[in-house]
Amino acid sequence: MQESRTQVLVLGGGPGGYAAAFAAADHGLAVTLVDGRENPGGVCLYEGCIPSKALLHAAAVLREAEDAKEIGIAFPAPAVDLDRLRAWKRGVVDRLTRGLGTLTRQRKVTYVRGQGAFDGRTSVVVATAEGERRVRFEQAIVATGSRAFFPPDFPAKGERIMDAGGALEIPDVPQRLLVVGGGYIGTELATIYSALGSAVTLVELTGTLLPGMDPDLVKVLAPRLGRRLHAILLETKVASVAETTDGVRVTLEKGGAATRAEFDRVLVCIGRLPNTGGIGLERAGVTLSKRGFIAVDEERRTSNPQIFAIGDVTGGPMLAHKAAREGKVAANVIAGHTDRYMPIAVPAVVYTDPELAWAGRTDTEARAQGRAVKVSTFPWPASGRAMTVDRPDGLTKLVTDAATGEVLGMGIAGQGAGDLIAEGVVAIEMQATAADIGLMIHPHPTFSETILEAAEAAQGHATHFLGRR
């Protein structure tokens, strides 16, 4: 068996893994990055974040063309060329992944393509196309990510039963699509397929879309999404799924009553599981939590002090930017620098129409922690920018400490919310107050002004909105 040595071995080439590998290389360490794909990128870049956002852009173009009639501009019905749409999406992914491959070589990171598993506390065996290869390391970082969860009583993935990765391939535009799960992946994919022409039925087991999210933001999304989809069924369980010769027969249950429906395809989006099995963690002396995640400390160090873990395998929000920050923490610590993963605010974005974004604590969470809070909102119908682009369906919300005015949380529902939320992250991490934001000049007319006005509302004097007195 071929054998090599490295200072740092990174197992998994997703956003956390390649960020960790690049950071360690920038510190002057010898780094080996192991992943099964041709170039780094992981699920996020190959079949998750990036292709979904490319297709959501296509969906937005279709919706804008349709909505333009409201401002006196009418277009002929658009024709969707699925082959060209798929090719364009693949082109976006290919350019980005090739770019990461170039950066890997430029940083002199050794890239080993294959499936790796620990065979001891300080070595990994990689199954490559040329055979097995053992890599001995001084320090390792586990960044193997997560996979879609499929209920055990569901039929296996196939032609008509899809997970998110399969759905993003756009095999066709089914006339009738059932989306199981009203979280961020389900709502985003429902947005894409409904824009392409599918009659989408979305089923969610709980009583709300996007369970766990600030309900004030969900209230902005729900009406518009409800108009776009064929049906949204809350507090509804998928009791059975059976493929037939020409579709999928589904039994839905709500309040003890069962109904049957036929769909052309079913898309399952009900969660993800960490990829901690089959990679030899037990041989490496790495401890898992009861839920199957790798237990780590603030340095991202596992029970084996020579092995670190980052990203989806460690629990918490399964977000690419969270994994990337964790990867940089691990690399910094390995390089001998002091660093900790201790964020106050991890932003999250749902790329529906409108977008939803939030960071920090909601008012419910803050009160549960014993904080007295003030909630201030600025409705987008009072925004000049929102009105000029015919998108007044938005809300900007600030949660501040009632005594000090410190910004504890921010939520935004509206066009471009994902780009706006970074201001909230900076404010929360820097422990800024609403008064601090109110003193900062925001350009006019922009969506960013809604943050300024929400901050002014917290002080009782928003220029363009007279709230409750």
Protein backbone atom coordinates (compact mmCIF):
# COMPACT_ATOMS: atom_id res chain seq x y z
CA MET A 1 0.00 0.00 0.00
CA GLN A 2 1.29 3.43 -0.95
CA GLU A 3 1.98 5.58 2.11
CA SER A 4 2.59 9.29 2.69
CA ARG A 5 2.81 11.74 5.56
CA THR A 6 1.33 15.17 6.11
CA GLN A 7 1.10 17.71 8.88
CA VAL A 8 -2.62 18.33 8.40
CA LEU A 9 -5.11 15.96 6.82
CA VAL A 10 -8.58 17.29 5.99
CA LEU A 11 -11.24 14.64 5.36
CA GLY A 12 -13.98 16.19 3.23
CA GLY A 13 -13.76 18.96 0.63
CA GLY A 14 -16.93 20.97 1.23
CA PRO A 15 -17.03 24.65 2.26
CA GLY A 16 -15.71 23.82 5.72
CA GLY A 17 -13.09 21.34 4.53
CA TYR A 18 -11.52 23.40 1.78
CA ALA A 19 -11.64 26.56 3.92
CA ALA A 20 -9.76 24.67 6.64
CA ALA A 21 -7.25 23.24 4.16
CA PHE A 22 -6.60 26.62 2.56
CA ALA A 23 -6.22 28.35 5.94
CA ALA A 24 -3.77 25.71 7.17
CA ALA A 25 -1.77 26.01 3.95
CA ASP A 26 -1.71 29.80 4.32
CA HIS A 27 -0.10 29.23 7.73
CA GLY A 28 2.71 27.35 5.97
CA LEU A 29 1.62 23.84 6.96
CA ALA A 30 1.80 20.81 4.68
CA VAL A 31 -1.82 19.88 3.95
CA THR A 32 -3.54 16.89 2.35
CA LEU A 33 -7.19 17.26 1.39
CA VAL A 34 -9.24 14.08 0.76
CA ASP A 35 -12.54 14.10 -1.10
CA GLY A 36 -14.37 11.88 -3.58
CA ARG A 37 -15.05 14.54 -6.22
CA GLU A 38 -12.83 15.83 -9.00
CA ASN A 39 -12.43 19.18 -7.26
CA PRO A 40 -13.34 20.56 -3.82
CA GLY A 41 -16.81 21.99 -3.28
CA GLY A 42 -18.84 19.35 -1.46
CA VAL A 43 -22.60 18.94 -1.50
CA CYS A 44 -23.09 22.70 -1.14
CA LEU A 45 -21.35 23.56 -4.37
CA TYR A 46 -22.15 20.48 -6.45
CA GLU A 47 -25.73 19.73 -5.49
CA GLY A 48 -26.91 22.18 -2.85
CA CYS A 49 -26.39 25.89 -2.20
CA ILE A 50 -25.00 26.93 -5.57
CA PRO A 51 -27.17 25.01 -8.06
CA SER A 52 -30.29 25.82 -6.02
CA LYS A 53 -29.48 29.54 -6.08
CA ALA A 54 -28.84 29.39 -9.82
CA LEU A 55 -32.26 27.83 -10.36
CA LEU A 56 -33.88 30.26 -7.92
CA HIS A 57 -32.50 33.06 -10.09
CA ALA A 58 -34.19 31.47 -13.10
CA ALA A 59 -37.42 31.24 -11.10
CA ALA A 60 -37.12 34.92 -10.15
CA VAL A 61 -36.73 35.91 -13.80
CA LEU A 62 -39.90 34.00 -14.67
CA ARG A 63 -41.80 35.62 -11.80
CA GLU A 64 -40.57 39.10 -12.66
CA ALA A 65 -41.71 38.65 -16.25
CA GLU A 66 -45.12 37.58 -15.00
CA ASP A 67 -45.40 40.35 -12.40
CA ALA A 68 -44.32 43.08 -14.84
CA LYS A 69 -47.88 43.38 -16.10
CA GLU A 70 -48.73 45.08 -12.81
CA ILE A 71 -46.58 48.06 -13.82
CA GLY A 72 -47.80 48.16 -17.42
CA ILE A 73 -45.25 45.92 -19.13
CA ALA A 74 -46.47 42.69 -20.73
CA PHE A 75 -44.25 39.91 -22.06
CA PRO A 76 -45.26 36.88 -24.11
CA ALA A 77 -45.43 33.67 -22.09
CA PRO A 78 -41.80 32.59 -21.55
CA ALA A 79 -40.55 29.31 -23.01
CA VAL A 80 -38.25 27.30 -20.76
CA ASP A 81 -35.53 25.28 -22.47
CA LEU A 82 -34.70 22.72 -19.78
CA ASP A 83 -31.57 21.49 -21.57
CA ARG A 84 -30.09 24.99 -21.71
CA LEU A 85 -31.18 25.71 -18.13
CA ARG A 86 -29.45 22.54 -16.89
CA ALA A 87 -26.35 23.33 -18.95
CA TRP A 88 -26.19 26.87 -17.56
CA LYS A 89 -26.55 25.61 -13.98
CA ARG A 90 -23.82 23.00 -14.59
CA GLY A 91 -21.62 25.69 -16.08
CA VAL A 92 -21.90 27.77 -12.91
CA VAL A 93 -20.94 24.76 -10.79
CA ASP A 94 -18.09 23.76 -13.11
CA ARG A 95 -16.52 27.22 -13.12
CA LEU A 96 -16.62 27.49 -9.34
CA THR A 97 -15.30 23.98 -8.69
CA ARG A 98 -12.52 24.37 -11.26
CA GLY A 99 -11.60 27.61 -9.52
CA LEU A 100 -11.31 25.76 -6.21
CA GLY A 101 -9.13 23.15 -7.90
CA THR A 102 -6.83 25.90 -9.12
CA LEU A 103 -6.65 27.45 -5.65
CA THR A 104 -5.83 24.03 -4.20
CA ARG A 105 -2.86 23.66 -6.54
CA GLN A 106 -1.73 27.26 -6.05
CA ARG A 107 -1.65 26.74 -2.30
CA LYS A 108 0.30 23.49 -2.81
CA VAL A 109 -2.38 21.46 -1.01
CA THR A 110 -2.08 17.77 -1.90
CA TYR A 111 -5.49 16.70 -3.21
CA VAL A 112 -6.32 13.00 -2.97
CA ARG A 113 -9.49 11.95 -4.73
CA GLY A 114 -11.15 9.03 -2.99
CA GLN A 115 -13.06 7.85 0.07
CA GLY A 116 -11.11 8.07 3.29
CA ALA A 117 -11.54 6.30 6.63
CA PHE A 118 -9.44 6.29 9.78
CA ASP A 119 -7.57 3.06 10.45
CA GLY A 120 -6.00 4.35 13.64
CA ARG A 121 -5.56 7.46 15.77
CA THR A 122 -3.09 9.09 13.37
CA SER A 123 -3.74 7.64 9.93
CA VAL A 124 -6.37 7.46 7.20
CA VAL A 125 -6.70 4.93 4.39
CA VAL A 126 -8.05 6.39 1.16
CA ALA A 127 -9.68 4.17 -1.46
CA THR A 128 -8.72 5.76 -4.80
CA ALA A 129 -9.17 4.68 -8.40
CA GLU A 130 -5.55 3.47 -8.34
CA GLY A 131 -5.91 1.50 -5.12
CA GLU A 132 -5.63 2.11 -1.39
CA ARG A 133 -3.33 4.74 0.00
CA ARG A 134 -2.49 5.38 3.65
CA VAL A 135 -1.87 8.94 4.82
CA ARG A 136 -0.30 9.45 8.23
CA PHE A 137 -0.97 12.81 9.85
CA GLU A 138 0.05 14.95 12.79
CA GLN A 139 -3.38 16.63 12.99
CA ALA A 140 -6.63 15.91 11.14
CA ILE A 141 -9.88 17.77 10.53
CA VAL A 142 -13.08 15.83 9.87
CA ALA A 143 -15.39 17.72 7.50
CA THR A 144 -17.47 14.96 5.93
CA GLY A 145 -20.77 16.88 5.94
CA SER A 146 -24.28 15.46 5.90
CA ARG A 147 -26.79 13.65 3.71
CA ALA A 148 -30.53 13.84 3.16
CA PHE A 149 -32.69 11.87 5.59
CA PHE A 150 -35.18 9.46 4.06
CA PRO A 151 -37.88 7.99 6.31
CA PRO A 152 -37.47 4.22 6.60
CA ASP A 153 -41.10 3.64 5.58
CA PHE A 154 -40.68 5.61 2.33
CA PRO A 155 -39.82 3.92 -0.96
CA ALA A 156 -36.17 4.24 -1.90
CA LYS A 157 -35.03 7.12 -4.04
CA GLY A 158 -35.78 6.46 -7.66
CA GLU A 159 -37.24 7.92 -10.80
CA ARG A 160 -40.28 9.39 -9.05
CA ILE A 161 -39.09 9.72 -5.43
CA MET A 162 -36.42 12.42 -5.14
CA ASP A 163 -34.26 14.10 -2.57
CA ALA A 164 -33.01 17.67 -2.97
CA GLY A 165 -29.97 16.66 -4.99
CA GLY A 166 -32.08 14.74 -7.47
CA ALA A 167 -34.61 17.55 -7.71
CA LEU A 168 -31.89 20.07 -8.59
CA GLU A 169 -31.06 18.01 -11.67
CA ILE A 170 -34.51 19.03 -13.01
CA PRO A 171 -35.17 15.68 -14.73
CA ASP A 172 -38.43 17.21 -15.95
CA VAL A 173 -41.15 19.60 -14.81
CA PRO A 174 -43.79 17.32 -13.30
CA GLN A 175 -47.37 18.41 -13.71
CA ARG A 176 -48.11 17.46 -10.09
CA LEU A 177 -45.31 17.61 -7.50
CA LEU A 178 -45.58 16.80 -3.80
CA VAL A 179 -42.93 18.42 -1.60
CA VAL A 180 -42.67 16.76 1.81
CA GLY A 181 -41.24 19.19 4.35
CA GLY A 182 -41.80 22.91 4.80
CA GLY A 183 -38.31 23.83 5.95
CA TYR A 184 -35.90 26.00 3.98
CA ILE A 185 -34.97 23.31 1.43
CA GLY A 186 -38.58 22.35 0.79
CA THR A 187 -39.79 25.93 0.41
CA GLU A 188 -36.92 26.87 -1.90
CA LEU A 189 -37.46 23.88 -4.18
CA ALA A 190 -41.20 24.45 -4.15
CA THR A 191 -40.45 28.01 -5.32
CA ILE A 192 -38.33 26.73 -8.21
CA TYR A 193 -40.71 24.07 -9.48
CA SER A 194 -43.82 26.24 -9.18
CA ALA A 195 -42.12 28.93 -11.27
CA LEU A 196 -41.20 26.34 -13.90
CA GLY A 197 -44.84 25.29 -14.12
CA SER A 198 -45.50 22.46 -11.68
CA ALA A 199 -48.62 22.41 -9.54
CA VAL A 200 -46.83 22.05 -6.20
CA THR A 201 -48.44 20.71 -3.05
CA LEU A 202 -46.30 21.30 0.02
CA VAL A 203 -46.91 19.18 3.14
CA GLU A 204 -45.57 20.12 6.57
CA LEU A 205 -46.09 18.07 9.75
CA THR A 206 -46.05 21.07 12.09
CA GLY A 207 -48.48 23.98 12.19
CA THR A 208 -46.28 26.46 10.34
CA LEU A 209 -43.95 26.83 7.42
CA LEU A 210 -40.28 27.05 8.35
CA PRO A 211 -40.73 25.73 11.89
CA GLY A 212 -38.39 27.35 14.36
CA MET A 213 -38.15 30.59 12.40
CA ASP A 214 -39.43 33.94 13.61
CA PRO A 215 -43.19 33.83 12.85
CA ASP A 216 -43.22 37.56 12.03
CA LEU A 217 -41.00 36.83 9.02
CA VAL A 218 -42.92 33.72 8.00
CA LYS A 219 -46.11 35.79 7.92
CA VAL A 220 -44.60 37.88 5.13
CA LEU A 221 -43.70 34.85 3.02
CA ALA A 222 -46.78 32.68 3.59
CA PRO A 223 -49.36 34.68 1.58
CA ARG A 224 -47.17 35.05 -1.51
CA LEU A 225 -46.04 31.44 -1.41
CA GLY A 226 -49.62 30.36 -0.91
CA ARG A 227 -50.63 32.15 -4.11
CA ARG A 228 -47.82 30.52 -6.07
CA LEU A 229 -48.32 26.93 -4.94
CA HIS A 230 -51.25 24.65 -5.65
CA ALA A 231 -51.68 23.91 -1.94
CA ILE A 232 -49.90 24.22 1.41
CA LEU A 233 -51.03 21.56 3.88
CA LEU A 234 -49.94 22.17 7.47
CA GLU A 235 -50.28 19.74 10.38
CA THR A 236 -50.42 17.02 7.75
CA LYS A 237 -48.64 13.66 7.79
CA VAL A 238 -47.63 11.56 4.82
CA ALA A 239 -49.01 8.20 5.93
CA SER A 240 -48.05 6.13 2.88
CA VAL A 241 -46.29 6.44 -0.46
CA ALA A 242 -46.54 3.91 -3.27
CA GLU A 243 -45.17 4.15 -6.80
CA THR A 244 -47.54 3.16 -9.58
CA THR A 245 -46.99 2.65 -13.29
CA ASP A 246 -47.66 6.29 -14.07
CA GLY A 247 -47.18 8.19 -10.81
CA VAL A 248 -47.06 8.09 -7.04
CA ARG A 249 -50.08 7.37 -4.86
CA VAL A 250 -49.91 9.17 -1.51
CA THR A 251 -52.09 8.99 1.59
CA LEU A 252 -52.19 12.17 3.66
CA GLU A 253 -53.50 12.36 7.23
CA LYS A 254 -54.69 15.41 9.14
CA GLY A 255 -56.71 15.44 12.32
CA GLY A 256 -57.47 11.75 12.03
CA ALA A 257 -58.87 12.05 8.51
CA ALA A 258 -57.08 10.45 5.56
CA THR A 259 -57.13 11.59 1.94
CA ARG A 260 -55.50 10.04 -1.11
CA ALA A 261 -53.87 11.91 -3.95
CA GLU A 262 -51.84 11.14 -7.08
CA PHE A 263 -48.62 12.92 -8.00
CA ASP A 264 -46.11 12.61 -10.81
CA ARG A 265 -43.15 13.01 -8.47
CA VAL A 266 -42.51 13.28 -4.73
CA LEU A 267 -39.68 15.34 -3.28
CA VAL A 268 -38.59 14.53 0.29
CA CYS A 269 -36.97 17.37 2.28
CA ILE A 270 -37.35 16.52 5.96
CA GLY A 271 -33.87 16.90 7.34
CA ARG A 272 -30.27 15.78 7.07
CA LEU A 273 -28.04 13.32 8.91
CA PRO A 274 -24.33 13.69 9.71
CA ASN A 275 -21.88 11.60 7.69
CA THR A 276 -20.17 10.05 10.69
CA GLY A 277 -20.65 6.37 9.83
CA GLY A 278 -18.19 4.34 7.83
CA ILE A 279 -15.21 6.65 8.30
CA GLY A 280 -13.54 4.77 11.16
CA LEU A 281 -14.13 7.28 13.94
CA GLU A 282 -14.21 4.49 16.52
CA ARG A 283 -10.71 3.41 15.43
CA ALA A 284 -9.53 6.99 15.77
CA GLY A 285 -10.87 7.37 19.32
CA VAL A 286 -13.41 10.03 18.34
CA THR A 287 -16.56 10.19 20.50
CA LEU A 288 -20.05 10.77 19.11
CA SER A 289 -23.01 12.36 20.85
CA LYS A 290 -26.26 10.44 21.40
CA ARG A 291 -27.59 11.96 18.16
CA GLY A 292 -24.61 10.77 16.14
CA PHE A 293 -22.71 14.06 15.90
CA ILE A 294 -19.03 14.44 16.72
CA ALA A 295 -18.49 16.03 20.12
CA VAL A 296 -16.10 19.03 19.97
CA ASP A 297 -14.96 21.89 22.15
CA GLU A 298 -14.69 25.59 21.21
CA GLU A 299 -11.43 24.91 19.35
CA ARG A 300 -13.30 22.20 17.37
CA ARG A 301 -11.11 19.55 19.00
CA THR A 302 -12.59 16.06 19.46
CA SER A 303 -11.96 13.47 22.17
CA ASN A 304 -8.78 12.61 20.24
CA PRO A 305 -6.72 15.82 20.72
CA GLN A 306 -5.04 15.30 17.34
CA ILE A 307 -8.36 15.28 15.48
CA PHE A 308 -10.70 18.23 14.97
CA ALA A 309 -14.19 18.25 13.47
CA ILE A 310 -16.19 20.99 11.75
CA GLY A 311 -19.43 21.63 9.92
CA ASP A 312 -22.49 19.43 9.69
CA VAL A 313 -20.89 16.49 11.52
CA THR A 314 -20.72 18.58 14.71
CA GLY A 315 -24.39 19.61 14.87
CA GLY A 316 -25.91 23.06 15.10
CA PRO A 317 -27.20 24.83 12.01
CA MET A 318 -26.05 23.00 8.88
CA LEU A 319 -24.79 26.06 7.02
CA ALA A 320 -21.80 26.45 4.71
CA HIS A 321 -20.64 29.71 6.26
CA LYS A 322 -20.76 28.23 9.75
CA ALA A 323 -18.61 25.31 8.57
CA ALA A 324 -16.13 27.66 6.91
CA ARG A 325 -15.65 29.68 10.09
CA GLU A 326 -15.22 26.50 12.12
CA GLY A 327 -12.65 25.28 9.60
CA LYS A 328 -10.62 28.44 9.98
CA VAL A 329 -10.76 28.13 13.77
CA ALA A 330 -9.43 24.56 13.61
CA ALA A 331 -6.67 25.55 11.18
CA ASN A 332 -5.64 28.52 13.33
CA VAL A 333 -5.46 26.37 16.47
CA ILE A 334 -3.43 23.70 14.67
CA ALA A 335 -1.03 26.42 13.51
CA GLY A 336 -0.50 27.47 17.12
CA HIS A 337 -2.74 30.52 17.24
CA THR A 338 -5.42 31.26 19.82
CA ASP A 339 -8.90 30.99 18.35
CA ARG A 340 -12.34 29.85 19.44
CA TYR A 341 -15.65 29.25 17.72
CA MET A 342 -17.84 31.52 19.83
CA PRO A 343 -20.12 33.50 17.50
CA ILE A 344 -22.95 35.57 18.90
CA ALA A 345 -24.82 35.63 15.60
CA VAL A 346 -24.82 33.02 12.84
CA PRO A 347 -26.90 34.41 9.97
CA ALA A 348 -29.32 32.21 8.07
CA VAL A 349 -31.15 32.89 4.81
CA VAL A 350 -34.11 31.27 3.09
CA TYR A 351 -33.95 32.12 -0.62
CA THR A 352 -37.66 32.05 -1.29
CA ASP A 353 -39.64 34.91 -2.82
CA PRO A 354 -39.46 37.06 -0.76
CA GLU A 355 -36.22 36.09 0.94
CA LEU A 356 -36.11 35.64 4.70
CA ALA A 357 -32.97 36.25 6.75
CA TRP A 358 -32.18 36.47 10.42
CA ALA A 359 -29.28 36.69 12.85
CA GLY A 360 -28.97 36.68 16.62
CA ARG A 361 -31.88 36.10 18.97
CA THR A 362 -35.57 36.37 18.27
CA ASP A 363 -37.69 38.17 20.83
CA THR A 364 -39.03 34.81 22.03
CA GLU A 365 -35.52 33.44 22.55
CA ALA A 366 -34.32 36.59 24.30
CA ARG A 367 -37.27 36.59 26.72
CA ALA A 368 -36.70 32.89 27.43
CA GLN A 369 -33.17 33.87 28.48
CA GLY A 370 -34.59 36.42 30.90
CA ARG A 371 -33.86 39.51 28.82
CA ALA A 372 -36.28 42.43 28.79
CA VAL A 373 -36.50 43.37 25.13
CA LYS A 374 -37.96 45.96 22.81
CA VAL A 375 -39.17 44.91 19.36
CA SER A 376 -39.22 47.49 16.58
CA THR A 377 -40.32 46.88 13.02
CA PHE A 378 -40.34 48.82 9.79
CA PRO A 379 -42.91 47.70 7.19
CA TRP A 380 -41.68 47.86 3.61
CA PRO A 381 -44.80 49.58 2.19
CA ALA A 382 -43.25 52.67 3.83
CA SER A 383 -39.98 52.14 1.93
CA GLY A 384 -39.49 54.27 -1.16
CA ARG A 385 -37.12 51.69 -2.66
CA ALA A 386 -39.55 48.82 -2.10
CA MET A 387 -42.34 50.74 -3.75
CA THR A 388 -40.26 51.72 -6.78
CA VAL A 389 -39.50 48.08 -7.55
CA ASP A 390 -43.10 47.02 -6.80
CA ARG A 391 -42.05 44.80 -3.88
CA PRO A 392 -43.60 46.26 -0.74
CA ASP A 393 -44.10 42.78 0.75
CA GLY A 394 -41.36 43.07 3.34
CA LEU A 395 -40.53 43.72 6.97
CA THR A 396 -37.38 44.65 8.87
CA LYS A 397 -37.34 43.77 12.55
CA LEU A 398 -34.94 44.62 15.36
CA VAL A 399 -34.80 43.02 18.80
CA THR A 400 -32.99 45.25 21.28
CA ASP A 401 -32.29 45.21 24.99
CA ALA A 402 -35.00 47.29 26.64
CA ALA A 403 -32.57 49.00 29.00
CA THR A 404 -29.41 49.53 26.95
CA GLY A 405 -30.69 49.46 23.35
CA GLU A 406 -28.10 46.81 22.42
CA VAL A 407 -29.05 44.97 19.24
CA LEU A 408 -29.75 41.35 20.14
CA GLY A 409 -31.30 40.15 16.91
CA MET A 410 -32.37 41.19 13.44
CA GLY A 411 -34.82 39.67 11.00
CA ILE A 412 -35.61 40.74 7.45
CA ALA A 413 -38.27 39.51 5.05
CA GLY A 414 -38.10 40.99 1.58
CA GLN A 415 -36.19 41.22 -1.66
CA GLY A 416 -32.44 40.91 -1.05
CA ALA A 417 -32.82 40.08 2.63
CA GLY A 418 -29.86 37.69 2.46
CA ASP A 419 -27.53 40.49 1.42
CA LEU A 420 -28.90 42.94 3.98
CA ILE A 421 -28.58 40.70 7.05
CA ALA A 422 -24.79 41.11 7.25
CA GLU A 423 -25.32 44.56 8.76
CA GLY A 424 -27.22 42.88 11.56
CA VAL A 425 -24.40 40.39 12.14
CA VAL A 426 -21.88 43.22 12.46
CA ALA A 427 -24.14 45.15 14.82
CA ILE A 428 -24.76 42.14 17.06
CA GLU A 429 -21.12 41.01 17.17
CA MET A 430 -19.92 44.55 17.88
CA GLN A 431 -22.63 45.00 20.53
CA ALA A 432 -23.93 48.07 18.75
CA THR A 433 -27.09 49.78 19.93
CA ALA A 434 -30.10 50.92 17.96
CA ALA A 435 -28.83 54.46 18.49
CA ASP A 436 -25.51 53.50 16.86
CA ILE A 437 -27.30 52.26 13.74
CA GLY A 438 -29.51 55.35 13.76
CA LEU A 439 -26.44 57.58 13.59
CA MET A 440 -25.05 55.80 10.52
CA ILE A 441 -26.02 57.39 7.19
CA HIS A 442 -27.68 54.85 4.88
CA PRO A 443 -27.98 55.61 1.15
CA HIS A 444 -31.35 56.67 -0.20
CA PRO A 445 -33.38 55.11 -1.70
CA THR A 446 -32.25 51.61 -0.71
CA PHE A 447 -33.55 48.58 1.13
CA SER A 448 -30.78 49.14 3.69
CA GLU A 449 -32.68 52.22 4.86
CA THR A 450 -35.27 49.88 6.37
CA ILE A 451 -32.63 48.85 8.92
CA LEU A 452 -31.99 52.50 9.75
CA GLU A 453 -35.71 53.14 10.15
CA ALA A 454 -36.22 50.05 12.31
CA ALA A 455 -33.40 51.32 14.53
CA GLU A 456 -35.02 54.76 14.66
CA ALA A 457 -38.35 53.12 15.48
CA ALA A 458 -36.68 51.49 18.48
CA GLN A 459 -35.99 55.04 19.68
CA GLY A 460 -39.51 56.20 18.87
CA HIS A 461 -38.95 58.41 15.86
CA ALA A 462 -38.76 56.58 12.50
CA THR A 463 -38.93 59.15 9.73
CA HIS A 464 -41.23 57.33 7.35
CA PHE A 465 -43.32 55.26 9.75
CA LEU A 466 -45.39 56.29 12.73
CA GLY A 467 -45.75 53.18 14.84
CA ARG A 468 -47.81 52.62 17.94
CA ARG A 469 -47.58 55.36 20.52
